[in-house]
């Protein structure tokens, strides 16, 4: 289902609901007038019975309206589900920042010239990447487990590209059509995130050292 078809389906359901409300309102007014005329012509005590009778008429009109409202909500939910199933999602950049190389760092875990470093918090067994970011105040060394707390280590990727300047991109998996996102909405818990580091070629070193003494 396209977004336009969804809007058309919702408009049809809403038009039907408004039509029911219109005719039920007219019916309530007519029945109230008949009731008023009956009490006046028969000279029955007006104050004792008019309120209960009007309440009864009101409830008689509200029951079919509520049933039609349930039909309207069901049609809207069904159209929303069809729209969600038929629409395409894609990774969209939510945040982007420049990376810089850093050398002669005082921290032994980040010494040398690098764009990315990897480490582990031993007390918590948490893996992270350390990266140097260019900010308005200067170069700032950050860690992924602190800067992006909601990103799992397994959702962090490194891409080597010679044609692009070094940067990181925080991406979220959302609907391609922005209008669909507004209609369906998404809970923060349901959103998928990933973090991509784009670095120069040959940045990732595949060196393995095996300690045979252990």
N, C-alpha and C. Protein backbone atom coordinates (compact mmCIF):
# COMPACT_ATOMS: atom_id res chain seq x y z
N UNK A 1 0.85 -1.20 0.00
CA UNK A 1 0.00 0.00 0.00
C UNK A 1 0.88 1.25 0.00
N UNK A 2 0.58 2.16 -0.89
CA UNK A 2 1.32 3.42 -0.94
C UNK A 2 0.79 4.37 0.13
N UNK A 3 1.55 5.45 0.36
CA UNK A 3 1.13 6.44 1.34
C UNK A 3 -0.17 7.11 0.89
N UNK A 4 -0.29 7.35 -0.41
CA UNK A 4 -1.50 7.99 -0.93
C UNK A 4 -2.71 7.10 -0.73
N UNK A 5 -2.54 5.77 -0.96
CA UNK A 5 -3.65 4.83 -0.75
C UNK A 5 -4.04 4.76 0.72
N UNK A 6 -3.05 4.86 1.60
CA UNK A 6 -3.34 4.87 3.04
C UNK A 6 -4.18 6.09 3.41
N UNK A 7 -3.78 7.25 2.93
CA UNK A 7 -4.51 8.48 3.23
C UNK A 7 -5.94 8.38 2.69
N UNK A 8 -6.10 7.81 1.50
CA UNK A 8 -7.43 7.67 0.92
C UNK A 8 -8.30 6.74 1.76
N UNK A 9 -7.73 5.61 2.23
CA UNK A 9 -8.49 4.67 3.06
C UNK A 9 -8.90 5.30 4.38
N UNK A 10 -8.00 6.06 4.99
CA UNK A 10 -8.32 6.73 6.25
C UNK A 10 -9.38 7.79 6.04
N UNK A 11 -9.29 8.53 4.94
CA UNK A 11 -10.27 9.57 4.66
C UNK A 11 -11.67 8.98 4.44
N UNK A 12 -11.74 7.83 3.76
CA UNK A 12 -13.03 7.16 3.55
C UNK A 12 -13.65 6.74 4.88
N UNK A 13 -12.82 6.13 5.74
CA UNK A 13 -13.31 5.70 7.05
C UNK A 13 -13.74 6.89 7.90
N UNK A 14 -12.98 7.97 7.84
CA UNK A 14 -13.32 9.17 8.61
C UNK A 14 -14.59 9.83 8.08
N UNK A 15 -14.77 9.80 6.77
CA UNK A 15 -15.98 10.36 6.17
C UNK A 15 -17.20 9.58 6.61
N UNK A 16 -17.09 8.26 6.66
CA UNK A 16 -18.20 7.43 7.12
C UNK A 16 -18.54 7.73 8.58
N UNK A 17 -17.50 7.91 9.40
CA UNK A 17 -17.72 8.23 10.82
C UNK A 17 -18.43 9.58 10.96
N UNK A 18 -18.00 10.57 10.19
CA UNK A 18 -18.61 11.89 10.26
C UNK A 18 -20.06 11.85 9.77
N UNK A 19 -20.31 11.00 8.77
CA UNK A 19 -21.68 10.86 8.27
C UNK A 19 -22.60 10.29 9.34
N UNK A 20 -22.10 9.26 10.02
CA UNK A 20 -22.88 8.69 11.12
C UNK A 20 -23.13 9.73 12.20
N UNK A 21 -22.14 10.51 12.55
CA UNK A 21 -22.29 11.53 13.58
C UNK A 21 -23.32 12.58 13.16
N UNK A 22 -23.29 12.94 11.89
CA UNK A 22 -24.22 13.95 11.38
C UNK A 22 -25.66 13.48 11.49
N UNK A 23 -25.94 12.26 11.00
CA UNK A 23 -27.32 11.76 11.00
C UNK A 23 -27.79 11.41 12.41
N UNK A 24 -26.90 10.92 13.25
CA UNK A 24 -27.29 10.62 14.62
C UNK A 24 -27.59 11.90 15.40
N UNK A 25 -26.86 12.98 15.09
CA UNK A 25 -27.13 14.26 15.74
C UNK A 25 -28.51 14.77 15.34
N UNK A 26 -28.82 14.63 14.05
CA UNK A 26 -30.14 15.05 13.58
C UNK A 26 -31.23 14.21 14.24
N UNK A 27 -30.98 12.89 14.33
CA UNK A 27 -31.96 12.00 14.96
C UNK A 27 -32.18 12.36 16.42
N UNK A 28 -31.10 12.71 17.12
CA UNK A 28 -31.23 13.09 18.52
C UNK A 28 -32.06 14.37 18.67
N UNK A 29 -31.84 15.35 17.79
CA UNK A 29 -32.58 16.61 17.86
C UNK A 29 -34.07 16.37 17.57
N UNK A 30 -34.35 15.55 16.55
CA UNK A 30 -35.74 15.26 16.20
C UNK A 30 -36.45 14.54 17.35
N UNK A 31 -35.79 13.52 17.92
CA UNK A 31 -36.41 12.77 19.01
C UNK A 31 -36.58 13.64 20.25
N UNK A 32 -35.64 14.56 20.49
CA UNK A 32 -35.77 15.46 21.63
C UNK A 32 -36.95 16.40 21.43
N UNK A 33 -37.14 16.88 20.21
CA UNK A 33 -38.27 17.77 19.92
C UNK A 33 -39.60 17.03 20.07
N UNK A 34 -39.64 15.80 19.57
CA UNK A 34 -40.87 14.99 19.71
C UNK A 34 -41.19 14.76 21.19
N UNK A 35 -40.13 14.46 21.95
CA UNK A 35 -40.34 14.23 23.38
C UNK A 35 -40.85 15.48 24.07
N UNK A 36 -40.26 16.61 23.74
CA UNK A 36 -40.69 17.88 24.33
C UNK A 36 -42.15 18.18 23.97
N UNK A 37 -42.51 17.95 22.71
CA UNK A 37 -43.89 18.19 22.28
C UNK A 37 -44.85 17.25 22.98
N UNK A 38 -44.43 16.01 23.18
CA UNK A 38 -45.29 15.03 23.86
C UNK A 38 -45.59 15.46 25.28
N UNK A 39 -44.54 15.89 26.01
CA UNK A 39 -44.74 16.30 27.40
C UNK A 39 -45.62 17.55 27.49
N UNK A 40 -45.44 18.45 26.55
CA UNK A 40 -46.23 19.69 26.57
C UNK A 40 -47.71 19.39 26.26
N UNK A 41 -47.93 18.55 25.26
CA UNK A 41 -49.31 18.27 24.83
C UNK A 41 -50.08 17.42 25.83
N UNK A 42 -49.41 16.53 26.51
CA UNK A 42 -50.07 15.65 27.48
C UNK A 42 -50.07 16.23 28.88
N UNK A 43 -49.37 17.33 29.07
CA UNK A 43 -49.30 18.02 30.36
C UNK A 43 -48.74 17.12 31.47
N UNK A 44 -47.88 16.21 31.09
CA UNK A 44 -47.18 15.40 32.08
C UNK A 44 -46.09 16.25 32.71
N UNK A 45 -45.79 15.96 33.98
CA UNK A 45 -44.77 16.75 34.69
C UNK A 45 -43.48 16.78 33.89
N UNK A 46 -43.13 17.95 33.43
CA UNK A 46 -41.96 18.11 32.54
C UNK A 46 -40.65 17.89 33.29
N UNK A 47 -40.54 18.42 34.48
CA UNK A 47 -39.27 18.39 35.21
C UNK A 47 -38.88 17.00 35.69
N UNK A 48 -39.86 16.12 35.91
CA UNK A 48 -39.56 14.80 36.46
C UNK A 48 -39.02 13.83 35.42
N UNK A 49 -39.49 13.93 34.20
CA UNK A 49 -39.20 12.91 33.21
C UNK A 49 -38.30 13.37 32.05
N UNK A 50 -38.18 14.65 31.84
CA UNK A 50 -37.46 15.11 30.66
C UNK A 50 -35.99 14.73 30.66
N UNK A 51 -35.34 14.87 31.82
CA UNK A 51 -33.91 14.55 31.88
C UNK A 51 -33.66 13.05 31.65
N UNK A 52 -34.36 12.13 32.35
CA UNK A 52 -34.15 10.70 32.08
C UNK A 52 -34.44 10.31 30.64
N UNK A 53 -35.51 10.90 30.08
CA UNK A 53 -35.86 10.56 28.70
C UNK A 53 -34.79 11.04 27.73
N UNK A 54 -34.31 12.26 27.93
CA UNK A 54 -33.25 12.78 27.06
C UNK A 54 -31.97 11.95 27.18
N UNK A 55 -31.66 11.51 28.39
CA UNK A 55 -30.49 10.65 28.59
C UNK A 55 -30.65 9.33 27.85
N UNK A 56 -31.86 8.78 27.88
CA UNK A 56 -32.13 7.53 27.17
C UNK A 56 -31.97 7.71 25.66
N UNK A 57 -32.50 8.82 25.16
CA UNK A 57 -32.36 9.11 23.72
C UNK A 57 -30.89 9.28 23.34
N UNK A 58 -30.16 9.98 24.21
CA UNK A 58 -28.73 10.21 23.95
C UNK A 58 -27.97 8.89 23.89
N UNK A 59 -28.26 7.98 24.83
CA UNK A 59 -27.58 6.68 24.84
C UNK A 59 -27.96 5.86 23.61
N UNK A 60 -29.20 5.97 23.19
CA UNK A 60 -29.63 5.23 21.99
C UNK A 60 -28.87 5.72 20.76
N UNK A 61 -28.53 6.98 20.74
CA UNK A 61 -27.77 7.53 19.60
C UNK A 61 -26.28 7.23 19.72
N UNK A 62 -25.79 7.18 20.95
CA UNK A 62 -24.36 6.98 21.15
C UNK A 62 -23.92 5.55 20.87
N UNK A 63 -24.80 4.58 21.10
CA UNK A 63 -24.42 3.17 20.89
C UNK A 63 -24.01 2.92 19.44
N UNK A 64 -24.82 3.26 18.45
CA UNK A 64 -24.38 3.04 17.06
C UNK A 64 -23.16 3.88 16.68
N UNK A 65 -23.06 5.09 17.27
CA UNK A 65 -21.90 5.93 16.96
C UNK A 65 -20.62 5.28 17.49
N UNK A 66 -20.67 4.74 18.70
CA UNK A 66 -19.49 4.07 19.27
C UNK A 66 -19.11 2.85 18.46
N UNK A 67 -20.12 2.11 17.98
CA UNK A 67 -19.83 0.94 17.13
C UNK A 67 -19.16 1.37 15.83
N UNK A 68 -19.64 2.47 15.26
CA UNK A 68 -19.04 2.97 14.03
C UNK A 68 -17.64 3.50 14.29
N UNK A 69 -17.41 4.06 15.47
CA UNK A 69 -16.07 4.54 15.82
C UNK A 69 -15.09 3.37 15.92
N UNK A 70 -15.56 2.25 16.46
CA UNK A 70 -14.71 1.04 16.52
C UNK A 70 -14.36 0.58 15.11
N UNK A 71 -15.33 0.65 14.20
CA UNK A 71 -15.07 0.29 12.80
C UNK A 71 -14.03 1.23 12.19
N UNK A 72 -14.14 2.51 12.50
CA UNK A 72 -13.19 3.50 11.99
C UNK A 72 -11.77 3.23 12.49
N UNK A 73 -11.64 2.97 13.79
CA UNK A 73 -10.31 2.69 14.36
C UNK A 73 -9.73 1.42 13.77
N UNK A 74 -10.57 0.38 13.60
CA UNK A 74 -10.10 -0.88 13.02
C UNK A 74 -9.61 -0.68 11.59
N UNK A 75 -10.36 0.11 10.81
CA UNK A 75 -9.95 0.38 9.43
C UNK A 75 -8.64 1.15 9.38
N UNK A 76 -8.47 2.08 10.30
CA UNK A 76 -7.24 2.87 10.34
C UNK A 76 -6.04 2.00 10.73
N UNK A 77 -6.23 1.11 11.69
CA UNK A 77 -5.15 0.21 12.12
C UNK A 77 -4.79 -0.75 10.99
N UNK A 78 -5.80 -1.28 10.31
CA UNK A 78 -5.56 -2.21 9.20
C UNK A 78 -4.78 -1.52 8.08
N UNK A 79 -5.17 -0.30 7.76
CA UNK A 79 -4.46 0.46 6.73
C UNK A 79 -3.04 0.76 7.16
N UNK A 80 -2.85 1.06 8.43
CA UNK A 80 -1.51 1.35 8.95
C UNK A 80 -0.61 0.12 8.88
N UNK A 81 -1.16 -1.05 9.19
CA UNK A 81 -0.39 -2.29 9.12
C UNK A 81 0.01 -2.61 7.68
N UNK A 82 -0.92 -2.41 6.75
CA UNK A 82 -0.61 -2.65 5.34
C UNK A 82 0.46 -1.68 4.84
N UNK A 83 0.37 -0.45 5.30
CA UNK A 83 1.37 0.55 4.90
C UNK A 83 2.75 0.18 5.43
N UNK A 84 2.81 -0.27 6.68
CA UNK A 84 4.09 -0.64 7.28
C UNK A 84 4.71 -1.84 6.57
N UNK A 85 3.88 -2.80 6.17
CA UNK A 85 4.40 -4.01 5.51
C UNK A 85 4.92 -3.71 4.10
N UNK A 86 4.33 -2.74 3.44
CA UNK A 86 4.68 -2.49 2.03
C UNK A 86 5.79 -1.48 1.85
N UNK A 87 6.13 -0.73 2.90
CA UNK A 87 7.11 0.33 2.76
C UNK A 87 8.54 -0.19 2.98
N UNK A 88 9.47 0.48 2.34
CA UNK A 88 10.88 0.09 2.39
C UNK A 88 11.60 0.90 3.46
N UNK A 89 12.46 0.21 4.21
CA UNK A 89 13.30 0.89 5.18
C UNK A 89 14.74 0.96 4.66
N UNK A 90 15.46 1.93 5.17
CA UNK A 90 16.84 2.10 4.76
C UNK A 90 17.63 2.71 5.91
N UNK A 91 18.97 2.56 5.84
CA UNK A 91 19.83 3.16 6.84
C UNK A 91 20.00 4.64 6.52
N UNK A 92 19.70 5.48 7.49
CA UNK A 92 19.81 6.93 7.31
C UNK A 92 20.77 7.49 8.35
N UNK A 93 21.58 8.45 7.91
CA UNK A 93 22.58 9.05 8.79
C UNK A 93 21.88 9.99 9.78
N UNK A 94 22.07 9.74 11.06
CA UNK A 94 21.50 10.59 12.10
C UNK A 94 22.53 11.57 12.65
N UNK A 95 23.78 11.12 12.69
CA UNK A 95 24.86 11.97 13.22
C UNK A 95 26.14 11.63 12.48
N UNK A 96 26.94 12.66 12.21
CA UNK A 96 28.18 12.46 11.46
C UNK A 96 29.25 13.37 12.03
N UNK A 97 30.48 12.88 12.10
CA UNK A 97 31.59 13.68 12.62
C UNK A 97 32.90 13.30 11.96
N UNK A 98 33.81 14.25 11.90
CA UNK A 98 35.12 14.02 11.27
C UNK A 98 36.07 13.33 12.24
N UNK A 99 36.91 12.47 11.69
CA UNK A 99 37.97 11.80 12.46
C UNK A 99 39.32 12.38 12.05
N UNK A 100 40.23 12.40 12.99
CA UNK A 100 41.59 12.86 12.70
C UNK A 100 42.58 11.83 13.25
N UNK A 101 43.75 11.79 12.63
CA UNK A 101 44.80 10.91 13.14
C UNK A 101 45.44 11.57 14.36
N UNK A 102 45.94 10.75 15.25
CA UNK A 102 46.49 11.26 16.50
C UNK A 102 47.79 10.52 16.79
N UNK A 103 48.82 11.26 17.14
CA UNK A 103 50.10 10.62 17.42
C UNK A 103 50.68 11.07 18.74
N UNK A 104 51.58 10.23 19.29
CA UNK A 104 52.28 10.55 20.53
C UNK A 104 51.33 10.82 21.70
N UNK A 105 50.29 10.01 21.80
CA UNK A 105 49.35 10.17 22.90
C UNK A 105 50.00 9.69 24.19
N UNK A 106 49.65 10.32 25.30
CA UNK A 106 50.22 9.94 26.58
C UNK A 106 49.66 8.62 27.08
N UNK A 107 48.41 8.32 26.67
CA UNK A 107 47.78 7.06 27.09
C UNK A 107 48.43 5.92 26.33
N UNK A 108 48.91 4.91 27.04
CA UNK A 108 49.62 3.81 26.39
C UNK A 108 48.70 2.99 25.50
N UNK A 109 47.41 3.02 25.80
CA UNK A 109 46.48 2.25 24.97
C UNK A 109 46.20 2.95 23.65
N UNK A 110 46.65 4.22 23.52
CA UNK A 110 46.36 4.96 22.31
C UNK A 110 47.63 5.63 21.78
N UNK A 111 48.76 5.02 21.99
CA UNK A 111 50.01 5.59 21.52
C UNK A 111 50.20 5.29 20.04
N UNK A 112 50.95 6.13 19.36
CA UNK A 112 51.20 5.94 17.94
C UNK A 112 50.27 6.80 17.12
N UNK A 113 50.31 6.60 15.82
CA UNK A 113 49.45 7.36 14.91
C UNK A 113 48.29 6.48 14.52
N UNK A 114 47.06 6.94 14.74
CA UNK A 114 45.91 6.08 14.49
C UNK A 114 44.66 6.91 14.23
N UNK A 115 43.69 6.28 13.62
CA UNK A 115 42.36 6.84 13.51
C UNK A 115 41.43 6.15 14.49
N UNK A 116 41.69 4.87 14.74
CA UNK A 116 40.85 4.09 15.64
C UNK A 116 41.74 3.24 16.54
N UNK A 117 41.30 3.08 17.77
CA UNK A 117 41.96 2.16 18.68
C UNK A 117 40.92 1.27 19.31
N UNK A 118 41.30 0.11 19.77
CA UNK A 118 40.36 -0.81 20.38
C UNK A 118 40.82 -1.13 21.79
N UNK A 119 39.89 -1.27 22.68
CA UNK A 119 40.24 -1.54 24.07
C UNK A 119 39.14 -2.30 24.77
N UNK A 120 39.37 -2.58 26.06
CA UNK A 120 38.40 -3.32 26.85
C UNK A 120 38.48 -2.83 28.28
N UNK A 121 37.32 -2.61 28.88
CA UNK A 121 37.25 -2.29 30.30
C UNK A 121 37.23 -3.61 31.04
N UNK A 122 38.36 -3.96 31.66
CA UNK A 122 38.50 -5.29 32.24
C UNK A 122 37.52 -5.57 33.35
N UNK A 123 37.21 -4.55 34.15
CA UNK A 123 36.32 -4.77 35.28
C UNK A 123 34.89 -5.08 34.82
N UNK A 124 34.50 -4.58 33.66
CA UNK A 124 33.14 -4.78 33.16
C UNK A 124 33.10 -5.67 31.93
N UNK A 125 34.26 -6.05 31.40
CA UNK A 125 34.35 -6.85 30.18
C UNK A 125 33.58 -6.18 29.02
N UNK A 126 33.80 -4.87 28.88
CA UNK A 126 33.13 -4.10 27.84
C UNK A 126 34.15 -3.71 26.77
N UNK A 127 33.90 -4.13 25.53
CA UNK A 127 34.77 -3.75 24.43
C UNK A 127 34.36 -2.38 23.90
N UNK A 128 35.33 -1.64 23.38
CA UNK A 128 35.03 -0.33 22.82
C UNK A 128 36.10 0.05 21.80
N UNK A 129 35.75 1.02 20.97
CA UNK A 129 36.71 1.65 20.07
C UNK A 129 36.99 3.05 20.59
N UNK A 130 38.24 3.45 20.53
CA UNK A 130 38.62 4.82 20.85
C UNK A 130 38.90 5.55 19.54
N UNK A 131 38.42 6.78 19.43
CA UNK A 131 38.60 7.52 18.19
C UNK A 131 38.83 9.00 18.51
N UNK A 132 39.54 9.66 17.62
CA UNK A 132 39.83 11.08 17.78
C UNK A 132 38.91 11.86 16.85
N UNK A 133 38.13 12.75 17.45
CA UNK A 133 37.14 13.52 16.69
C UNK A 133 37.50 14.98 16.66
N UNK A 134 37.30 15.62 15.51
CA UNK A 134 37.53 17.05 15.37
C UNK A 134 36.28 17.80 15.80
N UNK A 135 36.41 18.68 16.78
CA UNK A 135 35.30 19.49 17.26
C UNK A 135 35.65 20.96 17.13
N UNK A 136 34.69 21.82 17.43
CA UNK A 136 34.92 23.27 17.37
C UNK A 136 35.94 23.72 18.39
N UNK A 137 36.05 22.98 19.50
CA UNK A 137 37.00 23.33 20.55
C UNK A 137 38.38 22.72 20.34
N UNK A 138 38.46 21.77 19.41
CA UNK A 138 39.72 21.09 19.16
C UNK A 138 39.51 19.59 18.99
N UNK A 139 40.59 18.85 19.06
CA UNK A 139 40.53 17.39 18.92
C UNK A 139 40.16 16.77 20.25
N UNK A 140 39.19 15.85 20.20
CA UNK A 140 38.71 15.18 21.41
C UNK A 140 38.78 13.68 21.21
N UNK A 141 39.40 12.98 22.15
CA UNK A 141 39.47 11.52 22.12
C UNK A 141 38.25 10.97 22.87
N UNK A 142 37.50 10.13 22.18
CA UNK A 142 36.26 9.60 22.75
C UNK A 142 36.26 8.08 22.66
N UNK A 143 35.39 7.46 23.43
CA UNK A 143 35.22 6.01 23.41
C UNK A 143 33.78 5.70 23.03
N UNK A 144 33.62 4.67 22.21
CA UNK A 144 32.29 4.35 21.70
C UNK A 144 31.33 3.93 22.81
N UNK A 145 31.82 3.25 23.84
CA UNK A 145 30.93 2.80 24.90
C UNK A 145 30.43 3.96 25.76
N UNK A 146 31.07 5.12 25.64
CA UNK A 146 30.64 6.29 26.38
C UNK A 146 29.88 7.29 25.48
N UNK A 147 30.38 7.47 24.27
CA UNK A 147 29.76 8.42 23.35
C UNK A 147 28.48 7.87 22.73
N UNK A 148 28.41 6.56 22.55
CA UNK A 148 27.24 5.91 21.95
C UNK A 148 26.83 4.73 22.83
N UNK A 149 26.22 5.04 23.94
CA UNK A 149 25.90 4.02 24.94
C UNK A 149 24.88 3.00 24.45
N UNK A 150 24.03 3.39 23.51
CA UNK A 150 22.99 2.47 23.03
C UNK A 150 23.45 1.59 21.87
N UNK A 151 24.69 1.78 21.42
CA UNK A 151 25.22 1.00 20.30
C UNK A 151 26.01 -0.19 20.84
N UNK A 152 25.61 -1.38 20.44
CA UNK A 152 26.36 -2.58 20.82
C UNK A 152 27.68 -2.65 20.05
N UNK A 153 28.65 -3.29 20.65
CA UNK A 153 29.95 -3.42 19.99
C UNK A 153 29.82 -4.18 18.67
N UNK A 154 28.88 -5.11 18.62
CA UNK A 154 28.68 -5.90 17.40
C UNK A 154 28.00 -5.09 16.29
N UNK A 155 27.48 -3.91 16.61
CA UNK A 155 26.84 -3.06 15.60
C UNK A 155 27.75 -1.91 15.16
N UNK A 156 29.04 -2.06 15.40
CA UNK A 156 30.03 -1.07 14.97
C UNK A 156 30.84 -1.66 13.82
N UNK A 157 30.95 -0.91 12.73
CA UNK A 157 31.62 -1.41 11.53
C UNK A 157 32.70 -0.43 11.09
N UNK A 158 33.75 -0.96 10.47
CA UNK A 158 34.84 -0.15 9.95
C UNK A 158 34.93 -0.36 8.44
N UNK A 159 34.93 0.73 7.71
CA UNK A 159 35.03 0.69 6.26
C UNK A 159 36.26 1.49 5.81
N UNK A 160 37.07 0.88 4.98
CA UNK A 160 38.26 1.54 4.44
C UNK A 160 37.93 2.09 3.05
N UNK A 161 37.97 3.41 2.92
CA UNK A 161 37.64 4.05 1.65
C UNK A 161 38.66 5.16 1.37
N UNK A 162 39.25 5.09 0.18
CA UNK A 162 40.23 6.11 -0.19
C UNK A 162 39.57 7.38 -0.71
N UNK A 163 38.33 7.27 -1.18
CA UNK A 163 37.66 8.40 -1.81
C UNK A 163 36.97 9.33 -0.82
N UNK A 164 36.86 8.93 0.44
CA UNK A 164 36.16 9.74 1.43
C UNK A 164 37.10 10.13 2.56
N UNK A 165 36.84 11.29 3.13
CA UNK A 165 37.63 11.73 4.28
C UNK A 165 37.22 10.92 5.50
N UNK A 166 38.15 10.71 6.45
CA UNK A 166 37.82 9.91 7.64
C UNK A 166 36.68 10.54 8.44
N UNK A 167 35.70 9.72 8.78
CA UNK A 167 34.58 10.20 9.56
C UNK A 167 33.84 9.03 10.19
N UNK A 168 32.98 9.35 11.11
CA UNK A 168 32.08 8.33 11.65
C UNK A 168 30.66 8.74 11.31
N UNK A 169 29.77 7.75 11.21
CA UNK A 169 28.37 8.02 10.89
C UNK A 169 27.49 7.13 11.77
N UNK A 170 26.65 7.77 12.55
CA UNK A 170 25.65 7.05 13.33
C UNK A 170 24.40 6.94 12.48
N UNK A 171 24.00 5.72 12.17
CA UNK A 171 22.87 5.49 11.26
C UNK A 171 21.71 4.82 12.00
N UNK A 172 20.50 5.14 11.57
CA UNK A 172 19.29 4.55 12.13
C UNK A 172 18.47 3.96 10.99
N UNK A 173 17.85 2.82 11.27
CA UNK A 173 17.08 2.09 10.25
C UNK A 173 15.64 2.59 10.27
N UNK A 174 15.28 3.40 9.27
CA UNK A 174 13.97 4.03 9.25
C UNK A 174 13.31 3.86 7.89
N UNK A 175 12.04 4.26 7.84
CA UNK A 175 11.31 4.20 6.58
C UNK A 175 11.88 5.23 5.61
N UNK A 176 11.96 4.83 4.35
CA UNK A 176 12.51 5.70 3.32
C UNK A 176 11.63 6.92 3.11
N UNK A 177 10.32 6.72 3.15
CA UNK A 177 9.37 7.81 2.99
C UNK A 177 9.15 8.48 4.35
N UNK A 178 9.54 9.73 4.47
CA UNK A 178 9.43 10.44 5.74
C UNK A 178 7.98 10.56 6.20
N UNK A 179 7.05 10.63 5.26
CA UNK A 179 5.63 10.75 5.61
C UNK A 179 5.15 9.50 6.32
N UNK A 180 5.66 8.35 5.93
CA UNK A 180 5.27 7.08 6.57
C UNK A 180 5.76 7.06 8.01
N UNK A 181 6.96 7.58 8.23
CA UNK A 181 7.52 7.62 9.59
C UNK A 181 6.62 8.43 10.52
N UNK A 182 6.06 9.52 10.01
CA UNK A 182 5.18 10.35 10.84
C UNK A 182 3.86 9.66 11.13
N UNK A 183 3.36 8.88 10.16
CA UNK A 183 2.08 8.20 10.33
C UNK A 183 2.21 7.02 11.29
N UNK A 184 3.19 6.17 11.02
CA UNK A 184 3.33 4.95 11.80
C UNK A 184 4.04 5.22 13.11
N UNK A 185 5.07 6.05 13.03
CA UNK A 185 5.86 6.32 14.23
C UNK A 185 6.69 5.10 14.60
N UNK A 186 7.57 5.27 15.56
CA UNK A 186 8.41 4.17 16.03
C UNK A 186 8.88 4.46 17.44
N UNK A 187 8.88 3.42 18.22
CA UNK A 187 9.36 3.55 19.60
C UNK A 187 10.89 3.53 19.60
N UNK A 188 11.53 4.31 20.47
CA UNK A 188 13.00 4.28 20.55
C UNK A 188 13.55 2.88 20.78
N UNK A 189 12.78 2.02 21.46
CA UNK A 189 13.23 0.66 21.72
C UNK A 189 13.22 -0.19 20.45
N UNK A 190 12.37 0.17 19.47
CA UNK A 190 12.26 -0.60 18.24
C UNK A 190 13.24 -0.14 17.16
N UNK A 191 13.85 1.01 17.34
CA UNK A 191 14.75 1.52 16.32
C UNK A 191 16.08 0.77 16.34
N UNK A 192 16.61 0.52 15.15
CA UNK A 192 17.90 -0.14 15.01
C UNK A 192 18.96 0.90 14.69
N UNK A 193 20.09 0.80 15.37
CA UNK A 193 21.19 1.73 15.15
C UNK A 193 22.45 0.96 14.79
N UNK A 194 23.32 1.63 14.06
CA UNK A 194 24.65 1.08 13.81
C UNK A 194 25.62 2.25 13.68
N UNK A 195 26.87 1.97 13.96
CA UNK A 195 27.92 2.99 13.91
C UNK A 195 28.97 2.55 12.91
N UNK A 196 29.28 3.43 11.97
CA UNK A 196 30.24 3.11 10.91
C UNK A 196 31.39 4.11 10.96
N UNK A 197 32.60 3.57 11.00
CA UNK A 197 33.81 4.39 10.91
C UNK A 197 34.38 4.23 9.50
N UNK A 198 34.53 5.34 8.82
CA UNK A 198 35.15 5.34 7.49
C UNK A 198 36.58 5.87 7.64
N UNK A 199 37.56 5.03 7.33
CA UNK A 199 38.96 5.38 7.53
C UNK A 199 39.74 5.14 6.24
N UNK A 200 40.95 5.69 6.13
CA UNK A 200 41.76 5.47 4.92
C UNK A 200 42.12 4.00 4.75
N UNK A 201 42.46 3.63 3.53
CA UNK A 201 42.87 2.26 3.26
C UNK A 201 44.14 1.90 4.03
N UNK A 202 44.22 0.65 4.39
CA UNK A 202 45.34 0.07 5.14
C UNK A 202 45.40 0.58 6.58
N UNK A 203 44.29 1.15 7.04
CA UNK A 203 44.24 1.57 8.44
C UNK A 203 44.13 0.36 9.35
N UNK A 204 43.33 -0.63 8.93
CA UNK A 204 43.14 -1.84 9.71
C UNK A 204 44.32 -2.77 9.46
N UNK A 205 45.06 -3.09 10.51
CA UNK A 205 46.21 -3.97 10.41
C UNK A 205 45.83 -5.38 10.88
N UNK A 206 46.02 -6.35 10.01
CA UNK A 206 45.68 -7.72 10.33
C UNK A 206 46.93 -8.47 10.78
N UNK A 207 47.41 -8.12 11.94
CA UNK A 207 48.59 -8.76 12.52
C UNK A 207 48.16 -9.60 13.70
N UNK A 208 48.58 -10.85 13.71
CA UNK A 208 48.23 -11.76 14.79
C UNK A 208 49.50 -12.25 15.46
N UNK A 209 49.52 -12.22 16.79
CA UNK A 209 50.67 -12.66 17.54
C UNK A 209 50.22 -13.76 18.52
N UNK A 210 50.85 -14.88 18.46
CA UNK A 210 50.49 -16.01 19.29
C UNK A 210 51.59 -16.20 20.32
N UNK A 211 51.23 -16.19 21.59
CA UNK A 211 52.19 -16.38 22.68
C UNK A 211 52.25 -17.87 22.97
N UNK A 212 53.34 -18.53 22.51
CA UNK A 212 53.45 -19.99 22.65
C UNK A 212 53.87 -20.39 24.05
N UNK A 213 54.23 -19.41 24.87
CA UNK A 213 54.66 -19.75 26.23
C UNK A 213 53.49 -20.03 27.15
N UNK A 214 52.27 -19.67 26.71
CA UNK A 214 51.08 -19.89 27.56
C UNK A 214 50.27 -21.06 27.04
